[in-house]
C-alpha atoms as a PDB file:
ATOM      1  CA  MET A   1       0.000   0.000   0.000  1.00  0.00           C
ATOM      2  CA  LYS A   2       2.783   2.410   0.906  1.00  0.00           C
ATOM      3  CA  TYR A   3       4.253   2.024  -2.576  1.00  0.00           C
ATOM      4  CA  VAL A   4       0.946   3.101  -4.059  1.00  0.00           C
ATOM      5  CA  VAL A   5       0.904   6.119  -1.757  1.00  0.00           C
ATOM      6  CA  PHE A   6       4.464   7.007  -2.724  1.00  0.00           C
ATOM      7  CA  ALA A   7       3.645   6.607  -6.410  1.00  0.00           C
ATOM      8  CA  CYS A   8       0.579   8.832  -6.084  1.00  0.00           C
ATOM      9  CA  LEU A   9       2.569  11.412  -4.147  1.00  0.00           C
ATOM     10  CA  ALA A  10       5.327  11.382  -6.768  1.00  0.00           C
ATOM     11  CA  ALA A  11       2.749  11.824  -9.521  1.00  0.00           C
ATOM     12  CA  VAL A  12       1.153  14.762  -7.709  1.00  0.00           C
ATOM     13  CA  LEU A  13       4.542  16.400  -7.141  1.00  0.00           C
ATOM     14  CA  ALA A  14       5.514  15.869 -10.770  1.00  0.00           C
ATOM     15  CA  TYR A  15       2.233  17.376 -11.952  1.00  0.00           C
ATOM     16  CA  CYS A  16       2.648  20.365  -9.643  1.00  0.00           C
ATOM     17  CA  GLY A  17       6.183  20.826 -10.962  1.00  0.00           C
ATOM     18  CA  TYR A  18       4.853  20.686 -14.511  1.00  0.00           C
ATOM     19  CA  LEU A  19       2.281  23.383 -13.736  1.00  0.00           C
ATOM     20  CA  THR A  20       4.909  25.505 -12.006  1.00  0.00           C
ATOM     21  CA  LEU A  21       7.195  25.329 -15.028  1.00  0.00           C
ATOM     22  CA  LEU A  22       4.314  26.331 -17.298  1.00  0.00           C
ATOM     23  CA  TYR A  23       3.407  29.298 -15.116  1.00  0.00           C
ATOM     24  CA  VAL A  24       6.944  30.528 -14.506  1.00  0.00           C
ATOM     25  CA  GLY A  25       8.048  30.006 -18.093  1.00  0.00           C
ATOM     26  CA  GLN A  26       5.081  31.562 -19.865  1.00  0.00           C
ATOM     27  CA  ASP A  27       6.562  35.062 -20.114  1.00  0.00           C
ATOM     28  CA  GLY A  28       9.483  33.646 -22.043  1.00  0.00           C
ATOM     29  CA  MET A  29       7.204  31.573 -24.249  1.00  0.00           C
ATOM     30  CA  VAL A  30       4.821  34.408 -25.125  1.00  0.00           C
ATOM     31  CA  PHE A  31       7.420  37.193 -25.216  1.00  0.00           C
ATOM     32  CA  PRO A  32      10.872  35.659 -25.765  1.00  0.00           C
ATOM     33  CA  GLY A  33      12.241  39.015 -26.950  1.00  0.00           C
ATOM     34  CA  ARG A  34      14.576  39.622 -29.838  1.00  0.00           C
ATOM     35  CA  PRO A  35      17.323  42.263 -29.687  1.00  0.00           C
ATOM     36  CA  ALA A  36      18.083  44.453 -32.650  1.00  0.00           C
ATOM     37  CA  ASN A  37      20.732  43.194 -35.048  1.00  0.00           C
ATOM     38  CA  PRO A  38      22.866  46.251 -35.922  1.00  0.00           C
ATOM     39  CA  ALA A  39      23.972  44.742 -39.227  1.00  0.00           C
ATOM     40  CA  ARG A  40      20.381  44.155 -40.286  1.00  0.00           C
ATOM     41  CA  VAL A  41      19.426  47.700 -39.269  1.00  0.00           C
ATOM     42  CA  GLU A  42      22.141  49.064 -41.523  1.00  0.00           C
ATOM     43  CA  GLU A  43      21.028  46.733 -44.295  1.00  0.00           C
ATOM     44  CA  ILE A  44      17.446  47.967 -44.349  1.00  0.00           C
ATOM     45  CA  LYS A  45      18.668  51.560 -44.242  1.00  0.00           C
ATOM     46  CA  LYS A  46      20.717  50.806 -47.337  1.00  0.00           C
ATOM     47  CA  TYR A  47      17.747  49.241 -49.123  1.00  0.00           C
ATOM     48  CA  TYR A  48      15.304  52.036 -48.305  1.00  0.00           C
ATOM     49  CA  GLY A  49      16.902  55.445 -48.583  1.00  0.00           C
ATOM     50  CA  SER A  50      13.883  57.305 -47.190  1.00  0.00           C
ATOM     51  CA  LEU A  51      13.534  55.061 -44.124  1.00  0.00           C
ATOM     52  CA  GLU A  52      13.000  57.043 -40.926  1.00  0.00           C
ATOM     53  CA  SER A  53      13.325  56.159 -37.282  1.00  0.00           C
ATOM     54  CA  PHE A  54       9.926  55.929 -35.654  1.00  0.00           C
ATOM     55  CA  ASP A  55      10.205  56.422 -31.901  1.00  0.00           C
ATOM     56  CA  VAL A  56       7.059  56.502 -29.788  1.00  0.00           C
ATOM     57  CA  ALA A  57       6.746  57.511 -26.140  1.00  0.00           C
ATOM     58  CA  ALA A  58       4.698  54.988 -24.149  1.00  0.00           C
ATOM     59  CA  ALA A  59       2.291  56.091 -21.442  1.00  0.00           C
ATOM     60  CA  ASP A  60       4.829  55.202 -18.737  1.00  0.00           C
ATOM     61  CA  SER A  61       7.524  57.279 -20.507  1.00  0.00           C
ATOM     62  CA  LEU A  62       9.427  54.305 -21.918  1.00  0.00           C
ATOM     63  CA  THR A  63      10.590  54.690 -25.506  1.00  0.00           C
ATOM     64  CA  LEU A  64       9.439  52.300 -28.203  1.00  0.00           C
ATOM     65  CA  ARG A  65      11.546  52.240 -31.351  1.00  0.00           C
ATOM     66  CA  GLY A  66      10.784  51.241 -34.892  1.00  0.00           C
ATOM     67  CA  TYR A  67      10.729  52.385 -38.518  1.00  0.00           C
ATOM     68  CA  PHE A  68       8.607  54.446 -40.857  1.00  0.00           C
ATOM     69  CA  LEU A  69       8.981  54.340 -44.617  1.00  0.00           C
ATOM     70  CA  PRO A  70       7.001  57.257 -46.063  1.00  0.00           C
ATOM     71  CA  ARG A  71       5.925  57.021 -49.672  1.00  0.00           C
ATOM     72  CA  GLN A  72       4.360  59.741 -51.747  1.00  0.00           C
ATOM     73  CA  ARG A  73       2.517  59.823 -55.016  1.00  0.00           C
ATOM     74  CA  ASP A  74       1.799  63.071 -56.829  1.00  0.00           C
ATOM     75  CA  GLY A  75       3.037  64.960 -53.788  1.00  0.00           C
ATOM     76  CA  ARG A  76       0.640  63.235 -51.405  1.00  0.00           C
ATOM     77  CA  MET A  77       1.521  60.875 -48.577  1.00  0.00           C
ATOM     78  CA  GLN A  78       0.254  57.399 -49.337  1.00  0.00           C
ATOM     79  CA  PRO A  79      -1.853  55.308 -46.935  1.00  0.00           C
ATOM     80  CA  ALA A  80       0.132  53.213 -44.495  1.00  0.00           C
ATOM     81  CA  VAL A  81       0.401  49.574 -43.515  1.00  0.00           C
ATOM     82  CA  LEU A  82       1.121  49.338 -39.787  1.00  0.00           C
ATOM     83  CA  TYR A  83       2.698  45.994 -38.929  1.00  0.00           C
ATOM     84  CA  PHE A  84       2.589  44.116 -35.618  1.00  0.00           C
ATOM     85  CA  SER A  85       5.085  41.297 -35.515  1.00  0.00           C
ATOM     86  CA  GLY A  86       5.046  37.740 -34.264  1.00  0.00           C
ATOM     87  CA  ASN A  87       6.509  36.957 -30.862  1.00  0.00           C
ATOM     88  CA  ALA A  88       9.783  35.608 -32.273  1.00  0.00           C
ATOM     89  CA  GLU A  89      10.593  38.475 -34.644  1.00  0.00           C
ATOM     90  CA  ASP A  90      11.556  42.109 -34.478  1.00  0.00           C
ATOM     91  CA  GLN A  91      10.614  44.753 -37.005  1.00  0.00           C
ATOM     92  CA  THR A  92      13.850  44.498 -38.965  1.00  0.00           C
ATOM     93  CA  GLY A  93      12.723  41.051 -40.119  1.00  0.00           C
ATOM     94  CA  PHE A  94       9.641  42.612 -41.663  1.00  0.00           C
ATOM     95  CA  PHE A  95      11.396  45.682 -43.065  1.00  0.00           C
ATOM     96  CA  LEU A  96      14.193  43.663 -44.615  1.00  0.00           C
ATOM     97  CA  TRP A  97      11.935  42.426 -47.416  1.00  0.00           C
ATOM     98  CA  SER A  98       8.286  43.392 -46.979  1.00  0.00           C
ATOM     99  CA  PRO A  99       8.320  47.060 -48.066  1.00  0.00           C
ATOM    100  CA  SER A 100       9.502  45.942 -51.498  1.00  0.00           C
ATOM    101  CA  GLU A 101       6.228  43.999 -51.768  1.00  0.00           C
ATOM    102  CA  LEU A 102       4.211  47.044 -50.686  1.00  0.00           C
ATOM    103  CA  ARG A 103       5.597  49.726 -52.980  1.00  0.00           C
ATOM    104  CA  ALA A 104       2.297  51.584 -53.289  1.00  0.00           C
ATOM    105  CA  TYR A 105       2.082  52.287 -49.553  1.00  0.00           C
ATOM    106  CA  SER A 106       3.848  53.855 -46.627  1.00  0.00           C
ATOM    107  CA  VAL A 107       4.984  51.216 -44.132  1.00  0.00           C
ATOM    108  CA  ALA A 108       5.423  51.491 -40.368  1.00  0.00           C
ATOM    109  CA  GLY A 109       6.230  49.216 -37.464  1.00  0.00           C
ATOM    110  CA  VAL A 110       7.464  49.638 -33.894  1.00  0.00           C
ATOM    111  CA  ASP A 111       9.019  46.899 -31.781  1.00  0.00           C
ATOM    112  CA  TYR A 112       7.322  45.596 -28.659  1.00  0.00           C
ATOM    113  CA  ARG A 113       8.935  46.284 -25.299  1.00  0.00           C
ATOM    114  CA  GLY A 114      12.080  44.225 -24.969  1.00  0.00           C
ATOM    115  CA  TYR A 115      12.299  43.706 -28.739  1.00  0.00           C
ATOM    116  CA  GLY A 116      14.607  45.471 -31.159  1.00  0.00           C
ATOM    117  CA  ALA A 117      15.806  48.648 -29.453  1.00  0.00           C
ATOM    118  CA  SER A 118      12.573  49.268 -27.511  1.00  0.00           C
ATOM    119  CA  ASP A 119      12.802  49.735 -23.756  1.00  0.00           C
ATOM    120  CA  GLY A 120      11.004  47.757 -21.084  1.00  0.00           C
ATOM    121  CA  LYS A 121       9.483  44.313 -20.693  1.00  0.00           C
ATOM    122  CA  ALA A 122       6.461  43.155 -22.651  1.00  0.00           C
ATOM    123  CA  SER A 123       3.109  42.122 -21.234  1.00  0.00           C
ATOM    124  CA  GLU A 124      -0.296  41.852 -22.882  1.00  0.00           C
ATOM    125  CA  THR A 125      -1.576  44.973 -21.143  1.00  0.00           C
ATOM    126  CA  ALA A 126       1.507  47.020 -22.027  1.00  0.00           C
ATOM    127  CA  VAL A 127       1.696  45.805 -25.637  1.00  0.00           C
ATOM    128  CA  LYS A 128      -1.949  46.681 -26.284  1.00  0.00           C
ATOM    129  CA  ALA A 129      -1.623  50.151 -24.770  1.00  0.00           C
ATOM    130  CA  ASP A 130       1.597  50.707 -26.723  1.00  0.00           C
ATOM    131  CA  ALA A 131      -0.097  49.627 -29.954  1.00  0.00           C
ATOM    132  CA  LEU A 132      -2.680  52.397 -29.613  1.00  0.00           C
ATOM    133  CA  ALA A 133       0.096  54.913 -28.958  1.00  0.00           C
ATOM    134  CA  VAL A 134       1.903  53.712 -32.082  1.00  0.00           C
ATOM    135  CA  TYR A 135      -1.268  54.020 -34.159  1.00  0.00           C
ATOM    136  CA  ASP A 136      -1.858  57.562 -32.881  1.00  0.00           C
ATOM    137  CA  ALA A 137       1.734  58.565 -33.636  1.00  0.00           C
ATOM    138  CA  LEU A 138       1.465  57.171 -37.157  1.00  0.00           C
ATOM    139  CA  ALA A 139      -1.866  58.919 -37.764  1.00  0.00           C
ATOM    140  CA  ALA A 140      -0.204  62.192 -36.745  1.00  0.00           C
ATOM    141  CA  ARG A 141       2.606  61.576 -39.232  1.00  0.00           C
ATOM    142  CA  LEU A 142       0.212  60.822 -42.059  1.00  0.00           C
ATOM    143  CA  GLY A 143      -1.807  63.946 -41.367  1.00  0.00           C
ATOM    144  CA  PRO A 144      -5.525  64.647 -41.789  1.00  0.00           C
ATOM    145  CA  GLY A 145      -7.313  62.062 -43.890  1.00  0.00           C
ATOM    146  CA  GLY A 146      -4.487  59.539 -43.599  1.00  0.00           C
ATOM    147  CA  ARG A 147      -5.632  55.957 -43.866  1.00  0.00           C
ATOM    148  CA  ILE A 148      -4.115  53.007 -42.054  1.00  0.00           C
ATOM    149  CA  VAL A 149      -4.420  49.267 -42.578  1.00  0.00           C
ATOM    150  CA  VAL A 150      -3.220  47.274 -39.583  1.00  0.00           C
ATOM    151  CA  MET A 151      -1.435  44.005 -40.253  1.00  0.00           C
ATOM    152  CA  GLY A 152      -0.467  41.412 -37.672  1.00  0.00           C
ATOM    153  CA  ARG A 153       1.229  38.055 -37.833  1.00  0.00           C
ATOM    154  CA  SER A 154       0.790  35.300 -35.241  1.00  0.00           C
ATOM    155  CA  LEU A 155       0.932  37.057 -31.830  1.00  0.00           C
ATOM    156  CA  GLY A 156       0.636  40.375 -33.669  1.00  0.00           C
ATOM    157  CA  SER A 157      -2.694  39.389 -35.201  1.00  0.00           C
ATOM    158  CA  GLY A 158      -4.290  39.768 -31.782  1.00  0.00           C
ATOM    159  CA  VAL A 159      -2.614  43.143 -31.340  1.00  0.00           C
ATOM    160  CA  ALA A 160      -3.833  44.306 -34.756  1.00  0.00           C
ATOM    161  CA  ALA A 161      -7.386  43.207 -33.924  1.00  0.00           C
ATOM    162  CA  TYR A 162      -7.210  45.165 -30.671  1.00  0.00           C
ATOM    163  CA  VAL A 163      -6.175  48.316 -32.516  1.00  0.00           C
ATOM    164  CA  ALA A 164      -8.911  47.810 -35.094  1.00  0.00           C
ATOM    165  CA  ALA A 165     -11.460  47.553 -32.273  1.00  0.00           C
ATOM    166  CA  ASN A 166     -10.303  50.837 -30.741  1.00  0.00           C
ATOM    167  CA  ARG A 167      -9.209  53.018 -33.643  1.00  0.00           C
ATOM    168  CA  PRO A 168     -10.540  53.719 -37.160  1.00  0.00           C
ATOM    169  CA  VAL A 169      -8.757  51.536 -39.690  1.00  0.00           C
ATOM    170  CA  ALA A 170      -9.255  51.052 -43.416  1.00  0.00           C
ATOM    171  CA  GLY A 171      -8.696  47.318 -43.176  1.00  0.00           C
ATOM    172  CA  VAL A 172      -7.126  44.493 -41.198  1.00  0.00           C
ATOM    173  CA  VAL A 173      -4.694  41.825 -42.424  1.00  0.00           C
ATOM    174  CA  LEU A 174      -4.308  38.895 -40.037  1.00  0.00           C
ATOM    175  CA  VAL A 175      -1.676  36.249 -40.778  1.00  0.00           C
ATOM    176  CA  THR A 176      -1.930  32.907 -38.923  1.00  0.00           C
ATOM    177  CA  PRO A 177      -4.455  34.430 -36.486  1.00  0.00           C
ATOM    178  CA  TYR A 178      -6.052  32.882 -33.415  1.00  0.00           C
ATOM    179  CA  ASP A 179      -9.170  33.228 -31.287  1.00  0.00           C
ATOM    180  CA  SER A 180      -7.161  33.334 -28.053  1.00  0.00           C
ATOM    181  CA  LEU A 181      -3.668  32.342 -26.986  1.00  0.00           C
ATOM    182  CA  ALA A 182      -5.195  30.663 -23.955  1.00  0.00           C
ATOM    183  CA  ALA A 183      -7.203  28.409 -26.262  1.00  0.00           C
ATOM    184  CA  VAL A 184      -4.098  27.610 -28.311  1.00  0.00           C
ATOM    185  CA  GLY A 185      -2.157  26.835 -25.142  1.00  0.00           C
ATOM    186  CA  GLN A 186      -4.967  24.721 -23.705  1.00  0.00           C
ATOM    187  CA  ALA A 187      -5.023  22.582 -26.834  1.00  0.00           C
ATOM    188  CA  SER A 188      -1.249  22.127 -26.610  1.00  0.00           C
ATOM    189  CA  HIS A 189      -1.381  21.202 -22.895  1.00  0.00           C
ATOM    190  CA  PRO A 190      -4.695  19.374 -22.459  1.00  0.00           C
ATOM    191  CA  PHE A 191      -3.873  18.119 -18.945  1.00  0.00           C
ATOM    192  CA  ALA A 192      -3.111  21.564 -17.508  1.00  0.00           C
ATOM    193  CA  PRO A 193      -5.551  24.335 -16.514  1.00  0.00           C
ATOM    194  CA  VAL A 194      -3.913  26.694 -19.002  1.00  0.00           C
ATOM    195  CA  ARG A 195      -6.764  29.195 -18.998  1.00  0.00           C
ATOM    196  CA  LEU A 196      -6.297  29.666 -15.251  1.00  0.00           C
ATOM    197  CA  LEU A 197      -2.528  29.916 -15.476  1.00  0.00           C
ATOM    198  CA  MET A 198      -2.231  32.320 -18.427  1.00  0.00           C
ATOM    199  CA  LYS A 199      -1.082  35.839 -17.602  1.00  0.00           C
ATOM    200  CA  HIS A 200      -1.293  36.902 -21.259  1.00  0.00           C
ATOM    201  CA  PRO A 201      -4.411  35.131 -22.625  1.00  0.00           C
ATOM    202  CA  PHE A 202      -4.849  37.461 -25.626  1.00  0.00           C
ATOM    203  CA  ASP A 203      -8.552  36.759 -25.975  1.00  0.00           C
ATOM    204  CA  VAL A 204      -9.299  38.226 -29.391  1.00  0.00           C
ATOM    205  CA  ALA A 205     -13.013  37.409 -29.451  1.00  0.00           C
ATOM    206  CA  PRO A 206     -14.267  40.551 -27.631  1.00  0.00           C
ATOM    207  CA  ASP A 207     -12.199  42.769 -29.929  1.00  0.00           C
ATOM    208  CA  ALA A 208     -13.213  40.932 -33.095  1.00  0.00           C
ATOM    209  CA  ALA A 209     -16.875  41.400 -32.235  1.00  0.00           C
ATOM    210  CA  ARG A 210     -16.392  45.198 -32.315  1.00  0.00           C
ATOM    211  CA  VAL A 211     -14.552  45.477 -35.633  1.00  0.00           C
ATOM    212  CA  SER A 212     -16.540  46.553 -38.661  1.00  0.00           C
ATOM    213  CA  ALA A 213     -13.507  47.081 -40.912  1.00  0.00           C
ATOM    214  CA  PRO A 214     -12.905  44.550 -43.715  1.00  0.00           C
ATOM    215  CA  ALA A 215     -10.433  41.805 -42.918  1.00  0.00           C
ATOM    216  CA  LEU A 216      -8.163  39.449 -44.807  1.00  0.00           C
ATOM    217  CA  MET A 217      -7.286  36.340 -42.824  1.00  0.00           C
ATOM    218  CA  LEU A 218      -4.467  34.170 -44.115  1.00  0.00           C
ATOM    219  CA  ILE A 219      -4.371  30.673 -42.647  1.00  0.00           C
ATOM    220  CA  ALA A 220      -1.471  28.242 -43.013  1.00  0.00           C
ATOM    221  CA  GLY A 221      -3.038  24.907 -43.915  1.00  0.00           C
ATOM    222  CA  ASP A 222      -0.320  22.877 -42.175  1.00  0.00           C
ATOM    223  CA  ASP A 223       0.083  25.161 -39.161  1.00  0.00           C
ATOM    224  CA  THR A 224       0.945  23.131 -36.071  1.00  0.00           C
ATOM    225  CA  LEU A 225       1.740  26.085 -33.776  1.00  0.00           C
ATOM    226  CA  ILE A 226      -1.638  27.776 -34.295  1.00  0.00           C
ATOM    227  CA  PRO A 227      -3.818  25.103 -35.883  1.00  0.00           C
ATOM    228  CA  PRO A 228      -6.288  26.423 -38.493  1.00  0.00           C
ATOM    229  CA  VAL A 229      -9.294  25.759 -36.257  1.00  0.00           C
ATOM    230  CA  HIS A 230      -8.360  28.785 -34.137  1.00  0.00           C
ATOM    231  CA  ALA A 231      -8.400  31.100 -37.158  1.00  0.00           C
ATOM    232  CA  GLU A 232     -11.676  29.572 -38.287  1.00  0.00           C
ATOM    233  CA  ARG A 233     -13.245  30.315 -34.912  1.00  0.00           C
ATOM    234  CA  LEU A 234     -12.026  33.900 -35.112  1.00  0.00           C
ATOM    235  CA  ALA A 235     -13.413  34.279 -38.626  1.00  0.00           C
ATOM    236  CA  ALA A 236     -16.814  33.068 -37.443  1.00  0.00           C
ATOM    237  CA  LEU A 237     -16.845  35.861 -34.841  1.00  0.00           C
ATOM    238  CA  TRP A 238     -15.772  38.649 -37.218  1.00  0.00           C
ATOM    239  CA  PRO A 239     -18.872  40.760 -37.995  1.00  0.00           C
ATOM    240  CA  GLY A 240     -17.393  42.891 -40.760  1.00  0.00           C
ATOM    241  CA  PRO A 241     -16.616  41.888 -44.343  1.00  0.00           C
ATOM    242  CA  LYS A 242     -13.921  39.239 -44.448  1.00  0.00           C
ATOM    243  CA  SER A 243     -11.934  37.133 -46.853  1.00  0.00           C
ATOM    244  CA  VAL A 244     -10.591  33.940 -45.288  1.00  0.00           C
ATOM    245  CA  GLN A 245      -7.865  32.303 -47.347  1.00  0.00           C
ATOM    246  CA  THR A 246      -6.197  29.006 -46.464  1.00  0.00           C
ATOM    247  CA  ILE A 247      -2.815  28.524 -48.106  1.00  0.00           C
ATOM    248  CA  VAL A 248      -2.626  24.764 -48.583  1.00  0.00           C
ATOM    249  CA  GLY A 249       0.675  23.175 -47.621  1.00  0.00           C
ATOM    250  CA  ALA A 250       1.965  26.260 -45.808  1.00  0.00           C
ATOM    251  CA  SER A 251       3.271  26.044 -42.260  1.00  0.00           C
ATOM    252  CA  HIS A 252       3.243  28.688 -39.537  1.00  0.00           C
ATOM    253  CA  ASN A 253       6.737  29.862 -40.405  1.00  0.00           C
ATOM    254  CA  ASN A 254       6.875  29.468 -44.190  1.00  0.00           C
ATOM    255  CA  ILE A 255       3.502  30.923 -45.175  1.00  0.00           C
ATOM    256  CA  ILE A 256       5.244  34.126 -46.219  1.00  0.00           C
ATOM    257  CA  ASP A 257       7.243  32.181 -48.812  1.00  0.00           C
ATOM    258  CA  ASN A 258       4.147  31.008 -50.667  1.00  0.00           C
ATOM    259  CA  PRO A 259       3.826  32.625 -54.130  1.00  0.00           C
ATOM    260  CA  GLY A 260       0.249  33.698 -53.432  1.00  0.00           C
ATOM    261  CA  TYR A 261       0.934  35.350 -50.076  1.00  0.00           C
ATOM    262  CA  TRP A 262       1.757  38.870 -51.212  1.00  0.00           C
ATOM    263  CA  SER A 263      -0.608  38.761 -54.170  1.00  0.00           C
ATOM    264  CA  LEU A 264      -3.518  38.183 -51.784  1.00  0.00           C
ATOM    265  CA  ILE A 265      -2.370  40.984 -49.508  1.00  0.00           C
ATOM    266  CA  ARG A 266      -1.861  43.466 -52.359  1.00  0.00           C
ATOM    267  CA  ALA A 267      -5.261  42.663 -53.833  1.00  0.00           C
ATOM    268  CA  PHE A 268      -6.891  43.263 -50.453  1.00  0.00           C
ATOM    269  CA  LEU A 269      -5.034  46.530 -49.920  1.00  0.00           C
ATOM    270  CA  ALA A 270      -5.969  47.710 -53.384  1.00  0.00           C
ATOM    271  CA  GLU A 271      -9.629  47.020 -52.664  1.00  0.00           C
ATOM    272  CA  GLN A 272      -9.568  48.921 -49.381  1.00  0.00           C
ATOM    273  CA  LEU A 273      -7.216  51.755 -50.302  1.00  0.00           C
ATOM    274  CA  GLY A 274      -7.835  52.156 -54.026  1.00  0.00           C
ATOM    275  CA  ALA A 275      -4.221  51.577 -55.039  1.00  0.00           C
ATOM    276  CA  PRO A 276      -3.177  49.381 -57.981  1.00  0.00           C
ATOM    277  CA  ALA A 277      -3.244  45.668 -57.230  1.00  0.00           C
ATOM    278  CA  SER A 278      -0.621  44.751 -59.823  1.00  0.00           C
ATOM    279  CA  ASP A 279       2.469  42.919 -58.633  1.00  0.00           C
ATOM    280  CA  PRO A 280       5.797  44.795 -58.542  1.00  0.00           C
ATOM    281  CA  ALA A 281       7.711  44.751 -61.769  1.00  0.00           C
ATOM    282  CA  PRO A 282      10.556  42.211 -61.764  1.00  0.00           C
ATOM    283  CA  GLY A 283      13.843  43.808 -60.825  1.00  0.00           C
ATOM    284  CA  ALA A 284      12.206  47.041 -59.692  1.00  0.00           C
ATOM    285  CA  SER A 285      13.849  48.979 -56.882  1.00  0.00           C
ATOM    286  CA  ALA A 286      12.549  48.240 -53.392  1.00  0.00           C
ATOM    287  CA  ASP A 287      11.855  51.937 -52.786  1.00  0.00           C
ATOM    288  CA  THR A 288      10.485  53.236 -56.078  1.00  0.00           C
ATOM    289  CA  ALA A 289       7.067  54.624 -55.156  1.00  0.00           C
ATOM    290  CA  SER A 290       7.031  58.364 -55.620  1.00  0.00           C
END
């Protein structure tokens, strides 16, 4: 009998240790951070001659740092795509190649706390408040009548949805989105009370229900980190116009390499912003919009 008691006690202790590791380690799993790579910063500056630093003061006086690539056409500032990154990337990863796919638009992005050169430590509450500050700073740069499409990937899709629920946006692009991180985590750890343990649940449903702006949702068909069912649940909640596109064979990390990825995004942006939907000319400069 005592061996049974010992075995049960060991199992309970092991389970408690498992829960403790999940709770203590969740900050690092949700916000692992990614410092700026100076060489990459210099590289994107070389690619985009008009790239500007985009520093935003957070409500608690910390400084958030990112990039703004203004583009003009006929002397007028073009609408902007404001990007919110995934939890394992900083903005240089996006700016290294993405603005060349978005030549008709201004492009902006600011790193989360603890990412890139931004100060502080990230949390869901802080990241959401910072996102609104970033939006407001970008709107001020664009001037009266400036239009903004928010775009988020993975973790950033929840941030983009939050901004869209609290600020006027021309459209929303969500890449590998989710209904809630708590739901994703619960599915990954079915024997743990993840919903009770999560400090950063990122429940997107309440925000989605308040967004009337059109949305493009891009789902990776073979996504194992955020399985497609989570995006499908989010899409079902979205009350505004939406286009839900599943890219067959794409994974969470390689969806951006699919040939149709940018074509779908450009077509959506053209529909919402009235810019040409045609693909960039082969060999064209990455910073040719004027």
